[in-house]
N, C-alpha and C. Protein backbone atom coordinates (compact mmCIF):
# COMPACT_ATOMS: atom_id res chain seq x y z
N MET A 1 9.89 73.00 -69.07
CA MET A 1 9.46 71.30 -69.28
C MET A 1 8.76 70.92 -70.64
N SER A 2 9.56 69.60 -71.00
CA SER A 2 9.30 68.66 -72.47
C SER A 2 8.27 68.21 -72.37
N ASP A 3 7.78 67.65 -73.58
CA ASP A 3 6.23 66.89 -73.30
C ASP A 3 6.39 65.67 -72.47
N GLN A 4 8.28 65.24 -72.95
CA GLN A 4 8.07 63.37 -72.42
C GLN A 4 8.25 63.73 -71.26
N ASP A 5 8.75 65.00 -69.81
CA ASP A 5 8.52 64.81 -69.29
C ASP A 5 7.77 65.29 -68.13
N ASN A 6 6.44 66.10 -69.21
CA ASN A 6 5.04 65.98 -68.85
C ASN A 6 4.64 64.77 -68.69
N ASN A 7 4.63 63.71 -69.68
CA ASN A 7 3.85 62.68 -69.45
C ASN A 7 4.71 61.39 -68.52
N THR A 8 5.72 61.41 -68.23
CA THR A 8 6.30 61.16 -66.90
C THR A 8 5.79 61.21 -66.06
N LYS A 9 4.77 62.23 -65.55
CA LYS A 9 5.17 63.22 -64.23
C LYS A 9 3.50 62.86 -64.56
N HIS A 10 2.83 63.41 -65.45
CA HIS A 10 1.33 62.22 -65.28
C HIS A 10 1.11 61.07 -65.34
N ARG A 11 1.95 60.10 -65.39
CA ARG A 11 2.07 58.61 -65.19
C ARG A 11 2.16 58.28 -64.43
N VAL A 12 3.24 58.85 -63.27
CA VAL A 12 3.59 59.07 -61.97
C VAL A 12 2.39 59.38 -61.09
N LEU A 13 2.37 60.29 -61.31
CA LEU A 13 0.84 60.96 -61.09
C LEU A 13 -0.18 59.98 -60.77
N GLU A 14 -0.30 59.69 -61.85
CA GLU A 14 -1.74 58.62 -61.90
C GLU A 14 -1.66 57.26 -61.47
N GLN A 15 -0.62 56.76 -61.03
CA GLN A 15 -0.22 55.79 -60.57
C GLN A 15 -0.29 55.86 -59.41
N LEU A 16 0.00 57.02 -58.11
CA LEU A 16 0.45 57.18 -57.50
C LEU A 16 -1.31 57.38 -56.86
N LYS A 17 -2.08 57.83 -57.54
CA LYS A 17 -3.38 57.88 -57.12
C LYS A 17 -3.94 56.90 -56.97
N ILE A 18 -3.84 55.70 -57.75
CA ILE A 18 -4.37 54.49 -58.27
C ILE A 18 -4.17 53.90 -56.55
N GLU A 19 -2.82 53.94 -55.87
CA GLU A 19 -2.51 53.28 -55.21
C GLU A 19 -2.97 53.73 -54.26
N HIS A 20 -2.54 55.08 -54.12
CA HIS A 20 -3.45 55.93 -52.79
C HIS A 20 -5.38 54.75 -52.47
N ARG A 21 -5.60 55.54 -53.76
CA ARG A 21 -7.01 54.43 -53.70
C ARG A 21 -7.19 53.29 -53.64
N ASP A 22 -6.34 52.41 -53.95
CA ASP A 22 -6.55 51.05 -53.66
C ASP A 22 -6.78 51.03 -51.41
N LEU A 23 -5.41 51.60 -51.21
CA LEU A 23 -5.06 51.31 -50.26
C LEU A 23 -6.02 51.91 -49.99
N ASP A 24 -6.97 53.13 -49.47
CA ASP A 24 -8.20 53.53 -49.40
C ASP A 24 -9.34 52.73 -48.61
N ASP A 25 -9.51 51.51 -50.00
CA ASP A 25 -10.42 50.80 -49.89
C ASP A 25 -9.81 49.59 -49.14
N VAL A 26 -8.64 49.02 -49.36
CA VAL A 26 -8.39 47.98 -48.15
C VAL A 26 -8.39 48.74 -47.07
N ILE A 27 -8.27 49.80 -46.55
CA ILE A 27 -8.00 50.12 -44.79
C ILE A 27 -9.40 50.11 -44.74
N ARG A 28 -10.55 50.90 -45.32
CA ARG A 28 -11.95 50.83 -45.06
C ARG A 28 -12.63 49.02 -45.37
N ARG A 29 -11.85 48.14 -45.79
CA ARG A 29 -12.99 46.44 -46.05
C ARG A 29 -12.24 46.35 -44.55
N LEU A 30 -10.86 46.54 -44.05
CA LEU A 30 -10.21 45.71 -42.99
C LEU A 30 -11.00 46.50 -41.81
N ASN A 31 -11.27 47.56 -41.12
CA ASN A 31 -11.70 48.29 -40.95
C ASN A 31 -13.22 47.62 -40.44
N SER A 32 -14.25 47.04 -41.15
CA SER A 32 -15.45 46.63 -41.38
C SER A 32 -15.28 45.31 -40.84
N ASP A 33 -13.94 44.68 -40.83
CA ASP A 33 -14.22 43.09 -39.91
C ASP A 33 -13.60 43.35 -38.63
N ALA A 34 -14.46 42.48 -37.94
CA ALA A 34 -14.55 41.97 -36.37
C ALA A 34 -12.83 42.07 -35.60
N ASP A 35 -12.63 41.22 -36.37
CA ASP A 35 -10.76 40.81 -36.10
C ASP A 35 -10.08 41.45 -36.90
N VAL A 36 -10.03 42.28 -36.45
CA VAL A 36 -8.90 43.26 -37.89
C VAL A 36 -7.10 43.91 -36.70
N ASP A 37 -6.50 43.61 -37.39
CA ASP A 37 -5.21 43.52 -36.79
C ASP A 37 -4.77 45.31 -36.82
N GLN A 38 -4.82 45.82 -36.11
CA GLN A 38 -4.39 47.31 -35.87
C GLN A 38 -2.79 47.66 -36.34
N LEU A 39 -2.35 46.53 -35.79
CA LEU A 39 -1.33 47.19 -36.89
C LEU A 39 -0.57 47.23 -38.24
N GLN A 40 -1.24 45.87 -38.38
CA GLN A 40 -1.71 46.24 -40.16
C GLN A 40 -2.32 47.55 -40.53
N ILE A 41 -3.29 47.84 -39.89
CA ILE A 41 -4.22 49.09 -40.35
C ILE A 41 -3.02 50.27 -39.79
N GLN A 42 -2.53 50.48 -39.26
CA GLN A 42 -1.86 51.76 -39.19
C GLN A 42 -0.51 51.47 -40.16
N ARG A 43 0.03 50.40 -40.43
CA ARG A 43 1.15 50.40 -41.05
C ARG A 43 0.19 50.27 -42.74
N LEU A 44 -0.61 50.25 -43.28
CA LEU A 44 -1.36 50.66 -44.27
C LEU A 44 -1.74 52.02 -44.16
N LYS A 45 -1.98 53.09 -42.86
CA LYS A 45 -2.31 54.27 -43.48
C LYS A 45 -1.04 54.76 -43.16
N LYS A 46 0.23 54.34 -42.88
CA LYS A 46 1.37 55.62 -42.91
C LYS A 46 1.86 55.36 -44.52
N ARG A 47 2.02 54.28 -44.90
CA ARG A 47 1.72 53.81 -46.40
C ARG A 47 1.42 55.27 -47.15
N LYS A 48 -0.08 55.10 -46.83
CA LYS A 48 -1.09 55.97 -47.80
C LYS A 48 -0.57 57.50 -48.24
N LEU A 49 -0.45 57.98 -46.32
CA LEU A 49 0.17 58.93 -45.90
C LEU A 49 1.63 59.36 -46.68
N SER A 50 2.40 58.26 -46.81
CA SER A 50 2.98 58.68 -47.74
C SER A 50 3.63 58.35 -49.41
N ILE A 51 2.22 57.80 -49.72
CA ILE A 51 1.92 58.36 -50.92
C ILE A 51 1.22 59.51 -51.13
N LYS A 52 0.40 60.32 -50.25
CA LYS A 52 -0.37 60.94 -50.22
C LYS A 52 0.87 62.43 -50.32
N ASP A 53 2.62 62.12 -49.47
CA ASP A 53 3.15 63.56 -49.81
C ASP A 53 4.19 63.51 -51.50
N GLN A 54 4.29 61.71 -51.76
CA GLN A 54 4.57 61.44 -52.68
C GLN A 54 3.63 62.01 -53.97
N ILE A 55 2.86 62.92 -54.10
CA ILE A 55 1.59 63.46 -54.63
C ILE A 55 1.88 64.45 -55.00
N ASN A 56 1.76 65.13 -53.87
CA ASN A 56 2.01 66.36 -53.39
C ASN A 56 3.02 67.33 -53.95
N LYS A 57 4.24 66.22 -53.59
CA LYS A 57 5.51 66.39 -54.34
C LYS A 57 5.03 66.19 -55.78
N VAL A 58 4.88 65.55 -56.88
CA VAL A 58 4.88 65.27 -57.60
C VAL A 58 3.80 67.15 -58.43
N LYS A 59 2.64 67.36 -57.99
CA LYS A 59 2.37 68.56 -57.93
C LYS A 59 2.93 69.56 -58.38
N SER A 60 3.56 69.24 -57.42
CA SER A 60 4.35 70.59 -56.59
C SER A 60 5.99 70.89 -57.92
N GLY A 61 5.88 70.24 -58.91
CA GLY A 61 7.36 70.15 -59.57
C GLY A 61 8.06 69.54 -59.47
N GLY A 62 8.44 68.44 -57.92
CA GLY A 62 9.70 68.05 -57.90
C GLY A 62 9.05 65.94 -57.99
N ILE A 63 9.50 65.46 -58.76
CA ILE A 63 8.81 63.78 -58.90
C ILE A 63 10.06 63.39 -57.98
N PRO A 64 9.33 63.16 -56.57
CA PRO A 64 9.95 61.78 -55.43
C PRO A 64 11.01 60.56 -56.02
N ASP A 65 11.62 60.21 -55.63
CA ASP A 65 12.56 58.95 -55.47
C ASP A 65 11.18 58.24 -54.73
N ILE A 66 10.81 57.27 -55.78
CA ILE A 66 9.71 56.34 -55.35
C ILE A 66 10.25 54.54 -55.49
N ILE A 67 9.94 54.29 -53.76
CA ILE A 67 10.74 53.34 -53.61
C ILE A 67 9.50 52.27 -54.17
N ALA A 68 9.85 51.01 -54.36
CA ALA A 68 9.12 50.36 -55.44
C ALA A 68 8.69 49.08 -54.87
């Protein structure tokens, strides 16, 4: 694997980790609200799980197709 491939992999991994962390913060804040939309939280959790799967794919060597 070339240095450019490693840099790309590292950049993608960092972006995914940031998005995962941000979603975790949003979910935590929404859960603390009394009038929370459970469907919205469920969708955010699914997105967070999808990102976690993408992180694992990148770590294992296969960069997944990322839907922006």
